[in-house]
């Protein structure tokens, strides 16, 4: 991967991390404000303490669900961005490493301890034979 792609990937990661932290900070601030509002309603006798606690808990559960949804969307966006940048995935690198291990074993006449990936060609084909 070239330096520009690395920098772009790091910048994207930092941007996503900052957005998530901002969301957590906003949720924390919202809880404090909601708690203050609930406390005021309790003080005025418009809500019981139990009703207020239940209201705050429900709001926090909803905020957590929203945070999870945002995190999932951010992860999807990051994956799409990395794919568009041509960054190799761990799975594709692992697959290439398996294929290289099989080819090295064939070239050096050793048994491969890695299962040969499906290629559509027989592993017994020699240069003199034509593939079937």
Protein backbone atom coordinates (compact mmCIF):
# COMPACT_ATOMS: atom_id res chain seq x y z
CA UNK A 1 0.00 0.00 0.00
CA UNK A 2 1.42 3.41 -0.87
CA UNK A 3 1.91 6.21 1.67
CA UNK A 4 -1.01 8.23 0.33
CA UNK A 5 -3.42 5.33 0.78
CA UNK A 6 -2.09 4.72 4.30
CA UNK A 7 -2.55 8.38 5.22
CA UNK A 8 -6.04 8.41 3.75
CA UNK A 9 -6.99 5.24 5.64
CA UNK A 10 -5.62 6.66 8.92
CA UNK A 11 -7.45 9.95 8.37
CA UNK A 12 -10.71 8.07 7.77
CA UNK A 13 -10.18 5.98 10.92
CA UNK A 14 -9.48 9.09 12.99
CA UNK A 15 -12.57 10.80 11.58
CA UNK A 16 -14.77 7.83 12.49
CA UNK A 17 -13.26 7.62 15.98
CA UNK A 18 -13.91 11.33 16.54
CA UNK A 19 -17.50 10.97 15.33
CA UNK A 20 -18.09 8.06 17.72
CA UNK A 21 -16.54 9.97 20.62
CA UNK A 22 -18.70 12.96 19.78
CA UNK A 23 -21.76 10.70 19.85
CA UNK A 24 -20.77 9.32 23.25
CA UNK A 25 -20.19 12.84 24.55
CA UNK A 26 -23.57 13.98 23.22
CA UNK A 27 -25.28 11.00 24.84
CA UNK A 28 -23.60 11.80 28.16
CA UNK A 29 -24.63 15.45 27.94
CA UNK A 30 -28.16 14.41 26.99
CA UNK A 31 -28.39 12.12 30.03
CA UNK A 32 -27.33 14.92 32.33
CA UNK A 33 -29.88 17.31 30.83
CA UNK A 34 -32.61 14.68 30.86
CA UNK A 35 -31.81 13.83 34.48
CA UNK A 36 -32.00 17.53 35.40
CA UNK A 37 -35.36 17.84 33.64
CA UNK A 38 -36.71 14.71 35.34
CA UNK A 39 -35.47 15.99 38.71
CA UNK A 40 -37.37 19.22 38.10
CA UNK A 41 -40.59 17.32 37.27
CA UNK A 42 -40.13 15.21 40.41
CA UNK A 43 -39.56 18.36 42.50
CA UNK A 44 -42.79 19.86 41.12
CA UNK A 45 -44.66 16.64 41.82
CA UNK A 46 -45.43 16.00 38.13
CA UNK A 47 -43.48 12.70 38.16
CA UNK A 48 -42.62 10.22 40.87
CA UNK A 49 -38.97 9.32 41.42
CA UNK A 50 -39.66 5.82 40.02
CA UNK A 51 -41.33 7.23 36.89
CA UNK A 52 -38.40 9.58 36.40
CA UNK A 53 -35.84 6.79 36.76
CA UNK A 54 -37.79 4.67 34.29
CA UNK A 55 -37.94 7.55 31.81
CA UNK A 56 -34.18 8.16 32.04
CA UNK A 57 -33.42 4.43 31.66
CA UNK A 58 -35.68 4.11 28.59
CA UNK A 59 -34.05 7.15 27.01
CA UNK A 60 -30.58 5.74 27.66
CA UNK A 61 -31.54 2.36 26.16
CA UNK A 62 -32.79 4.15 23.06
CA UNK A 63 -29.55 6.16 22.90
CA UNK A 64 -27.50 2.94 23.18
CA UNK A 65 -29.49 1.36 20.33
CA UNK A 66 -28.94 4.47 18.23
CA UNK A 67 -25.22 4.40 19.08
CA UNK A 68 -24.99 0.76 18.01
CA UNK A 69 -26.72 1.59 14.75
CA UNK A 70 -24.35 4.49 14.11
CA UNK A 71 -21.34 2.28 14.86
CA UNK A 72 -22.59 -0.39 12.44
CA UNK A 73 -23.10 2.20 9.70
CA UNK A 74 -19.66 3.69 10.37
CA UNK A 75 -18.08 0.25 10.12
CA UNK A 76 -19.87 -0.43 6.83
CA UNK A 77 -18.75 2.94 5.47
CA UNK A 78 -15.17 2.27 6.51
CA UNK A 79 -15.22 -1.17 4.83
CA UNK A 80 -16.66 0.33 1.63
CA UNK A 81 -14.04 3.09 1.67
CA UNK A 82 -11.17 0.65 2.16
CA UNK A 83 -12.56 -1.53 -0.63
CA UNK A 84 -12.83 1.47 -2.96
CA UNK A 85 -9.23 2.39 -2.11
CA UNK A 86 -8.13 -1.10 -3.09
CA UNK A 87 -6.91 -2.03 0.39
CA UNK A 88 -6.58 -5.79 0.74
CA UNK A 89 -8.73 -7.51 3.32
CA UNK A 90 -7.32 -9.99 5.83
CA UNK A 91 -9.25 -12.77 4.04
CA UNK A 92 -7.76 -11.94 0.64
CA UNK A 93 -4.23 -11.77 2.07
CA UNK A 94 -4.75 -15.12 3.85
CA UNK A 95 -6.00 -16.67 0.60
CA UNK A 96 -2.95 -15.41 -1.30
CA UNK A 97 -0.64 -16.74 1.41
CA UNK A 98 -2.28 -20.18 1.11
CA UNK A 99 -1.88 -20.15 -2.66
CA UNK A 100 1.78 -19.13 -2.38
CA UNK A 101 2.47 -21.92 0.14
CA UNK A 102 0.96 -24.49 -2.26
CA UNK A 103 2.95 -23.13 -5.22
CA UNK A 104 6.20 -23.06 -3.23
CA UNK A 105 5.64 -26.67 -2.20
CA UNK A 106 5.13 -27.65 -5.86
CA UNK A 107 8.18 -25.71 -7.06
CA UNK A 108 10.46 -27.13 -4.39
CA UNK A 109 8.98 -30.62 -4.57
CA UNK A 110 7.69 -30.69 -1.02
CA UNK A 111 4.35 -31.71 0.40
CA UNK A 112 2.23 -28.74 1.28
CA UNK A 113 0.78 -28.58 4.76
CA UNK A 114 -1.82 -26.17 3.38
CA UNK A 115 -4.95 -27.28 1.56
CA UNK A 116 -4.76 -26.37 -2.10
CA UNK A 117 -7.32 -23.73 -3.05
CA UNK A 118 -9.69 -24.58 -5.90
CA UNK A 119 -8.29 -23.23 -9.16
CA UNK A 120 -10.08 -25.20 -11.83
CA UNK A 121 -6.86 -26.96 -12.81
CA UNK A 122 -5.71 -30.40 -11.76
CA UNK A 123 -2.70 -30.38 -9.45
CA UNK A 124 -1.29 -33.36 -11.41
CA UNK A 125 -1.14 -31.50 -14.73
CA UNK A 126 2.40 -31.13 -16.09
CA UNK A 127 3.69 -28.76 -18.71
CA UNK A 128 3.51 -31.57 -21.32
CA UNK A 129 -0.16 -32.25 -20.61
CA UNK A 130 -3.00 -30.01 -21.59
CA UNK A 131 -5.48 -29.02 -18.89
CA UNK A 132 -8.79 -30.84 -19.11
